[in-house]
């Protein structure tokens, strides 16, 4: 398998035919090395295989858009509370 190293260290290059032959091995390699693989056809870049990066779930804003306000939330309910009775 022939993979060319990129001089700028932004990824390695491999031909589409070689990628097709060794696809599963290359997926494992990219996942392990964390270095993207640029797939070329006739020397021109066509696609990039890059490692998947899970983003941490933030609790801040995670329920945005799930709350529905129905009616007036400021006005009283009309119910008498013990604190209101003197």
C-alpha atoms as a PDB file:
ATOM      1  CA  UNK A   1       0.000   0.000   0.000  1.00  0.00           C
ATOM      2  CA  UNK A   2       1.485   3.327  -1.044  1.00  0.00           C
ATOM      3  CA  UNK A   3       0.551   6.416   0.995  1.00  0.00           C
ATOM      4  CA  UNK A   4       2.321   9.688   0.224  1.00  0.00           C
ATOM      5  CA  UNK A   5       3.011  12.007   3.123  1.00  0.00           C
ATOM      6  CA  UNK A   6       2.004  15.625   2.749  1.00  0.00           C
ATOM      7  CA  UNK A   7       4.844  18.043   3.502  1.00  0.00           C
ATOM      8  CA  UNK A   8       2.508  20.419   5.370  1.00  0.00           C
ATOM      9  CA  UNK A   9       1.446  17.615   7.761  1.00  0.00           C
ATOM     10  CA  UNK A  10      -2.256  18.161   7.035  1.00  0.00           C
ATOM     11  CA  UNK A  11      -2.823  14.612   5.890  1.00  0.00           C
ATOM     12  CA  UNK A  12      -1.599  11.757   3.758  1.00  0.00           C
ATOM     13  CA  UNK A  13      -2.527  11.045   0.140  1.00  0.00           C
ATOM     14  CA  UNK A  14      -3.679   7.789  -1.452  1.00  0.00           C
ATOM     15  CA  UNK A  15      -5.081   6.954  -4.872  1.00  0.00           C
ATOM     16  CA  UNK A  16      -8.762   6.038  -5.181  1.00  0.00           C
ATOM     17  CA  UNK A  17      -7.992   2.550  -6.495  1.00  0.00           C
ATOM     18  CA  UNK A  18      -5.667   1.770  -3.599  1.00  0.00           C
ATOM     19  CA  UNK A  19      -8.218   3.213  -1.180  1.00  0.00           C
ATOM     20  CA  UNK A  20     -10.904   0.946  -2.624  1.00  0.00           C
ATOM     21  CA  UNK A  21      -8.675  -2.105  -2.159  1.00  0.00           C
ATOM     22  CA  UNK A  22      -7.625  -1.317   1.433  1.00  0.00           C
ATOM     23  CA  UNK A  23     -10.624   0.691   2.668  1.00  0.00           C
ATOM     24  CA  UNK A  24     -11.218  -1.072   6.017  1.00  0.00           C
ATOM     25  CA  UNK A  25      -7.516  -1.084   6.917  1.00  0.00           C
ATOM     26  CA  UNK A  26      -7.267   2.613   6.091  1.00  0.00           C
ATOM     27  CA  UNK A  27     -10.304   3.459   8.233  1.00  0.00           C
ATOM     28  CA  UNK A  28      -8.659   1.721  11.195  1.00  0.00           C
ATOM     29  CA  UNK A  29      -5.348   3.470  10.484  1.00  0.00           C
ATOM     30  CA  UNK A  30      -6.926   6.936  10.323  1.00  0.00           C
ATOM     31  CA  UNK A  31      -8.870   6.282  13.517  1.00  0.00           C
ATOM     32  CA  UNK A  32      -5.707   5.153  15.319  1.00  0.00           C
ATOM     33  CA  UNK A  33      -3.304   7.813  14.003  1.00  0.00           C
ATOM     34  CA  UNK A  34      -5.873  10.672  14.034  1.00  0.00           C
ATOM     35  CA  UNK A  35      -4.299  11.943  10.764  1.00  0.00           C
ATOM     36  CA  UNK A  36      -6.698  12.626   7.837  1.00  0.00           C
ATOM     37  CA  UNK A  37      -6.295  10.714   4.582  1.00  0.00           C
ATOM     38  CA  UNK A  38      -6.806  12.581   1.301  1.00  0.00           C
ATOM     39  CA  UNK A  39      -8.104  10.371  -1.507  1.00  0.00           C
ATOM     40  CA  UNK A  40      -6.977  11.340  -5.002  1.00  0.00           C
ATOM     41  CA  UNK A  41      -7.879  10.395  -8.539  1.00  0.00           C
ATOM     42  CA  UNK A  42      -5.284  11.097 -11.221  1.00  0.00           C
ATOM     43  CA  UNK A  43      -3.358  13.156  -8.648  1.00  0.00           C
ATOM     44  CA  UNK A  44      -6.260  15.497  -7.833  1.00  0.00           C
ATOM     45  CA  UNK A  45      -7.792  15.457  -4.346  1.00  0.00           C
ATOM     46  CA  UNK A  46     -11.377  14.150  -4.350  1.00  0.00           C
ATOM     47  CA  UNK A  47     -12.282  13.356  -0.753  1.00  0.00           C
ATOM     48  CA  UNK A  48     -10.945  13.304   2.774  1.00  0.00           C
ATOM     49  CA  UNK A  49     -11.234  10.490   5.284  1.00  0.00           C
ATOM     50  CA  UNK A  50     -10.872  12.013   8.729  1.00  0.00           C
ATOM     51  CA  UNK A  51     -11.231  10.631  12.246  1.00  0.00           C
ATOM     52  CA  UNK A  52     -14.596  11.129  13.929  1.00  0.00           C
ATOM     53  CA  UNK A  53     -14.468  13.492  16.879  1.00  0.00           C
ATOM     54  CA  UNK A  54     -17.281  13.327  19.396  1.00  0.00           C
ATOM     55  CA  UNK A  55     -18.099  16.683  20.857  1.00  0.00           C
ATOM     56  CA  UNK A  56     -18.877  16.755  24.576  1.00  0.00           C
ATOM     57  CA  UNK A  57     -22.508  17.369  25.416  1.00  0.00           C
ATOM     58  CA  UNK A  58     -23.037  20.710  27.117  1.00  0.00           C
ATOM     59  CA  UNK A  59     -25.794  21.017  29.687  1.00  0.00           C
ATOM     60  CA  UNK A  60     -25.996  24.752  29.002  1.00  0.00           C
ATOM     61  CA  UNK A  61     -28.754  25.262  26.443  1.00  0.00           C
ATOM     62  CA  UNK A  62     -29.427  21.551  25.898  1.00  0.00           C
ATOM     63  CA  UNK A  63     -33.199  22.010  26.338  1.00  0.00           C
ATOM     64  CA  UNK A  64     -33.463  25.124  24.172  1.00  0.00           C
ATOM     65  CA  UNK A  65     -36.697  25.142  22.199  1.00  0.00           C
ATOM     66  CA  UNK A  66     -38.401  22.423  24.269  1.00  0.00           C
ATOM     67  CA  UNK A  67     -40.452  24.665  26.603  1.00  0.00           C
ATOM     68  CA  UNK A  68     -43.878  25.889  25.522  1.00  0.00           C
ATOM     69  CA  UNK A  69     -45.511  28.710  27.490  1.00  0.00           C
ATOM     70  CA  UNK A  70     -49.302  28.469  27.549  1.00  0.00           C
ATOM     71  CA  UNK A  71     -51.275  31.357  28.967  1.00  0.00           C
ATOM     72  CA  UNK A  72     -50.189  34.192  31.254  1.00  0.00           C
ATOM     73  CA  UNK A  73     -47.281  33.177  33.497  1.00  0.00           C
ATOM     74  CA  UNK A  74     -47.257  36.468  35.457  1.00  0.00           C
ATOM     75  CA  UNK A  75     -50.903  36.758  36.569  1.00  0.00           C
ATOM     76  CA  UNK A  76     -52.112  34.894  39.670  1.00  0.00           C
ATOM     77  CA  UNK A  77     -54.099  31.682  39.540  1.00  0.00           C
ATOM     78  CA  UNK A  78     -56.923  33.045  41.720  1.00  0.00           C
ATOM     79  CA  UNK A  79     -56.156  30.492  44.399  1.00  0.00           C
ATOM     80  CA  UNK A  80     -55.809  31.816  47.975  1.00  0.00           C
ATOM     81  CA  UNK A  81     -52.548  30.872  49.697  1.00  0.00           C
ATOM     82  CA  UNK A  82     -51.948  30.744  53.400  1.00  0.00           C
ATOM     83  CA  UNK A  83     -49.315  33.450  53.031  1.00  0.00           C
ATOM     84  CA  UNK A  84     -51.948  35.754  51.476  1.00  0.00           C
ATOM     85  CA  UNK A  85     -54.405  35.405  54.429  1.00  0.00           C
ATOM     86  CA  UNK A  86     -53.778  37.727  57.407  1.00  0.00           C
END
